[in-house]
Amino acid sequence: MKVLLFKTDVVSPDQIETIRDQLNHSLGFREWSFDLEHPDKIFRIEVLTTSAEEIIDLLERLGVNCTSIY
């Protein structure tokens, strides 16, 4: 398992609530979180085979701008 990190434009828990069910469904309930206290509003996810590009595509379809940082 590996951890991917992304810089995002998510700024509030309400935004996370809006996309939570879609993330869980699309990502198969993998472990993920947003760090809204970090200046880059970090999205962290543990993956087995999913690529950073796939995560970026999913987040962008959900209205989140993001960039891979790890």
N, C-alpha and C. Protein backbone atom coordinates (compact mmCIF):
# COMPACT_ATOMS: atom_id res chain seq x y z
N MET A 1 0.84 -1.17 0.00
CA MET A 1 0.00 0.00 0.00
C MET A 1 0.89 1.24 0.00
N LYS A 2 0.44 2.28 -0.71
CA LYS A 2 1.19 3.53 -0.72
C LYS A 2 0.26 4.69 -0.41
N VAL A 3 0.85 5.79 0.01
CA VAL A 3 0.10 6.99 0.36
C VAL A 3 0.35 8.05 -0.70
N LEU A 4 -0.73 8.63 -1.20
CA LEU A 4 -0.65 9.72 -2.16
C LEU A 4 -1.13 10.99 -1.48
N LEU A 5 -0.46 12.10 -1.78
CA LEU A 5 -0.81 13.40 -1.22
C LEU A 5 -1.09 14.39 -2.34
N PHE A 6 -2.11 15.22 -2.11
CA PHE A 6 -2.52 16.19 -3.12
C PHE A 6 -2.79 17.54 -2.48
N LYS A 7 -2.35 18.59 -3.14
CA LYS A 7 -2.72 19.95 -2.76
C LYS A 7 -4.09 20.20 -3.37
N THR A 8 -5.04 20.75 -2.58
CA THR A 8 -6.40 20.97 -3.09
C THR A 8 -6.87 22.40 -2.80
N ASP A 9 -8.07 22.70 -3.31
CA ASP A 9 -8.70 23.99 -3.02
C ASP A 9 -9.88 23.84 -2.07
N VAL A 10 -9.98 22.71 -1.38
CA VAL A 10 -11.05 22.50 -0.40
C VAL A 10 -10.76 23.36 0.83
N VAL A 11 -11.76 24.13 1.26
CA VAL A 11 -11.52 25.04 2.38
C VAL A 11 -12.44 24.82 3.57
N SER A 12 -13.45 23.96 3.42
CA SER A 12 -14.38 23.81 4.54
C SER A 12 -14.87 22.37 4.69
N PRO A 13 -15.27 22.02 5.90
CA PRO A 13 -15.86 20.69 6.13
C PRO A 13 -17.13 20.49 5.30
N ASP A 14 -17.85 21.56 5.01
CA ASP A 14 -19.05 21.44 4.19
C ASP A 14 -18.72 20.93 2.79
N GLN A 15 -17.61 21.37 2.23
CA GLN A 15 -17.19 20.87 0.92
C GLN A 15 -16.89 19.38 0.99
N ILE A 16 -16.25 18.96 2.05
CA ILE A 16 -15.94 17.53 2.21
C ILE A 16 -17.22 16.73 2.33
N GLU A 17 -18.18 17.23 3.10
CA GLU A 17 -19.46 16.52 3.25
C GLU A 17 -20.15 16.36 1.91
N THR A 18 -20.04 17.38 1.06
CA THR A 18 -20.69 17.35 -0.25
C THR A 18 -20.17 16.21 -1.11
N ILE A 19 -18.88 15.88 -1.00
CA ILE A 19 -18.29 14.86 -1.86
C ILE A 19 -17.99 13.55 -1.15
N ARG A 20 -18.23 13.47 0.17
CA ARG A 20 -17.88 12.29 0.97
C ARG A 20 -18.44 10.99 0.39
N ASP A 21 -19.74 10.92 0.14
CA ASP A 21 -20.34 9.68 -0.35
C ASP A 21 -19.79 9.28 -1.70
N GLN A 22 -19.57 10.27 -2.57
CA GLN A 22 -19.03 9.97 -3.90
C GLN A 22 -17.60 9.45 -3.80
N LEU A 23 -16.81 10.04 -2.90
CA LEU A 23 -15.45 9.55 -2.70
C LEU A 23 -15.46 8.13 -2.17
N ASN A 24 -16.27 7.88 -1.16
CA ASN A 24 -16.33 6.54 -0.59
C ASN A 24 -16.77 5.51 -1.63
N HIS A 25 -17.74 5.85 -2.42
CA HIS A 25 -18.23 4.91 -3.44
C HIS A 25 -17.17 4.68 -4.51
N SER A 26 -16.58 5.74 -5.00
CA SER A 26 -15.61 5.63 -6.08
C SER A 26 -14.29 5.01 -5.64
N LEU A 27 -13.91 5.26 -4.40
CA LEU A 27 -12.62 4.78 -3.91
C LEU A 27 -12.73 3.48 -3.13
N GLY A 28 -13.91 2.91 -3.05
CA GLY A 28 -14.07 1.64 -2.36
C GLY A 28 -13.79 1.71 -0.87
N PHE A 29 -14.14 2.84 -0.25
CA PHE A 29 -13.99 3.02 1.19
C PHE A 29 -12.54 2.88 1.66
N ARG A 30 -11.61 3.28 0.83
CA ARG A 30 -10.21 3.31 1.26
C ARG A 30 -10.05 4.42 2.29
N GLU A 31 -8.94 4.38 3.00
CA GLU A 31 -8.65 5.41 3.98
C GLU A 31 -8.25 6.70 3.26
N TRP A 32 -8.94 7.78 3.55
CA TRP A 32 -8.62 9.07 2.98
C TRP A 32 -8.97 10.17 3.97
N SER A 33 -8.34 11.32 3.81
CA SER A 33 -8.64 12.46 4.69
C SER A 33 -8.18 13.76 4.05
N PHE A 34 -8.77 14.84 4.52
CA PHE A 34 -8.35 16.19 4.15
C PHE A 34 -7.75 16.85 5.38
N ASP A 35 -6.66 17.57 5.20
CA ASP A 35 -6.07 18.36 6.28
C ASP A 35 -6.32 19.83 5.95
N LEU A 36 -7.42 20.37 6.49
CA LEU A 36 -7.81 21.74 6.19
C LEU A 36 -6.97 22.76 6.95
N GLU A 37 -6.20 22.31 7.93
CA GLU A 37 -5.34 23.23 8.68
C GLU A 37 -4.02 23.48 7.95
N HIS A 38 -3.64 22.58 7.08
CA HIS A 38 -2.41 22.76 6.29
C HIS A 38 -2.67 23.85 5.25
N PRO A 39 -1.70 24.71 4.99
CA PRO A 39 -1.90 25.78 4.00
C PRO A 39 -2.29 25.28 2.60
N ASP A 40 -1.88 24.05 2.25
CA ASP A 40 -2.19 23.49 0.94
C ASP A 40 -3.45 22.63 0.94
N LYS A 41 -4.18 22.59 2.06
CA LYS A 41 -5.45 21.83 2.15
C LYS A 41 -5.26 20.41 1.60
N ILE A 42 -4.39 19.67 2.24
CA ILE A 42 -3.90 18.38 1.75
C ILE A 42 -4.99 17.29 1.77
N PHE A 43 -5.08 16.58 0.65
CA PHE A 43 -5.89 15.36 0.56
C PHE A 43 -4.92 14.19 0.60
N ARG A 44 -5.14 13.26 1.54
CA ARG A 44 -4.26 12.10 1.72
C ARG A 44 -5.09 10.85 1.51
N ILE A 45 -4.55 9.91 0.73
CA ILE A 45 -5.27 8.66 0.48
C ILE A 45 -4.29 7.50 0.40
N GLU A 46 -4.70 6.36 0.97
CA GLU A 46 -3.93 5.13 0.87
C GLU A 46 -4.48 4.33 -0.30
N VAL A 47 -3.60 3.90 -1.19
CA VAL A 47 -4.02 3.17 -2.39
C VAL A 47 -3.19 1.91 -2.58
N LEU A 48 -3.76 0.97 -3.31
CA LEU A 48 -3.03 -0.22 -3.71
C LEU A 48 -2.51 -0.06 -5.13
N THR A 49 -3.42 0.18 -6.06
CA THR A 49 -3.02 0.26 -7.47
C THR A 49 -3.50 1.53 -8.16
N THR A 50 -4.33 2.31 -7.51
CA THR A 50 -4.86 3.52 -8.12
C THR A 50 -3.74 4.54 -8.30
N SER A 51 -3.72 5.17 -9.47
CA SER A 51 -2.66 6.15 -9.76
C SER A 51 -3.07 7.54 -9.31
N ALA A 52 -2.07 8.40 -9.18
CA ALA A 52 -2.33 9.80 -8.84
C ALA A 52 -3.22 10.45 -9.89
N GLU A 53 -3.01 10.12 -11.15
CA GLU A 53 -3.81 10.68 -12.23
C GLU A 53 -5.29 10.30 -12.09
N GLU A 54 -5.56 9.07 -11.67
CA GLU A 54 -6.94 8.63 -11.47
C GLU A 54 -7.60 9.41 -10.32
N ILE A 55 -6.85 9.65 -9.26
CA ILE A 55 -7.38 10.41 -8.13
C ILE A 55 -7.65 11.86 -8.55
N ILE A 56 -6.71 12.45 -9.28
CA ILE A 56 -6.91 13.82 -9.76
C ILE A 56 -8.15 13.90 -10.63
N ASP A 57 -8.32 12.94 -11.55
CA ASP A 57 -9.50 12.93 -12.42
C ASP A 57 -10.78 12.86 -11.60
N LEU A 58 -10.81 11.97 -10.61
CA LEU A 58 -12.00 11.83 -9.77
C LEU A 58 -12.29 13.12 -9.01
N LEU A 59 -11.29 13.68 -8.35
CA LEU A 59 -11.50 14.90 -7.57
C LEU A 59 -11.95 16.05 -8.46
N GLU A 60 -11.37 16.16 -9.63
CA GLU A 60 -11.77 17.23 -10.54
C GLU A 60 -13.20 17.05 -11.02
N ARG A 61 -13.63 15.80 -11.25
CA ARG A 61 -15.03 15.56 -11.62
C ARG A 61 -15.97 15.94 -10.49
N LEU A 62 -15.46 15.91 -9.24
CA LEU A 62 -16.27 16.29 -8.07
C LEU A 62 -16.14 17.77 -7.75
N GLY A 63 -15.43 18.51 -8.60
CA GLY A 63 -15.32 19.95 -8.42
C GLY A 63 -14.17 20.42 -7.56
N VAL A 64 -13.20 19.53 -7.31
CA VAL A 64 -12.04 19.88 -6.48
C VAL A 64 -10.82 20.04 -7.38
N ASN A 65 -10.19 21.19 -7.34
CA ASN A 65 -8.93 21.38 -8.05
C ASN A 65 -7.82 20.81 -7.20
N CYS A 66 -6.93 20.04 -7.81
CA CYS A 66 -5.86 19.42 -7.03
C CYS A 66 -4.62 19.17 -7.87
N THR A 67 -3.51 19.03 -7.15
CA THR A 67 -2.21 18.76 -7.75
C THR A 67 -1.51 17.73 -6.90
N SER A 68 -0.93 16.73 -7.54
CA SER A 68 -0.17 15.72 -6.80
C SER A 68 1.09 16.34 -6.22
N ILE A 69 1.35 16.05 -4.94
CA ILE A 69 2.58 16.55 -4.33
C ILE A 69 3.44 15.41 -3.83
N TYR A 70 2.97 14.17 -3.95
CA TYR A 70 3.78 13.01 -3.56
C TYR A 70 3.25 11.79 -4.24
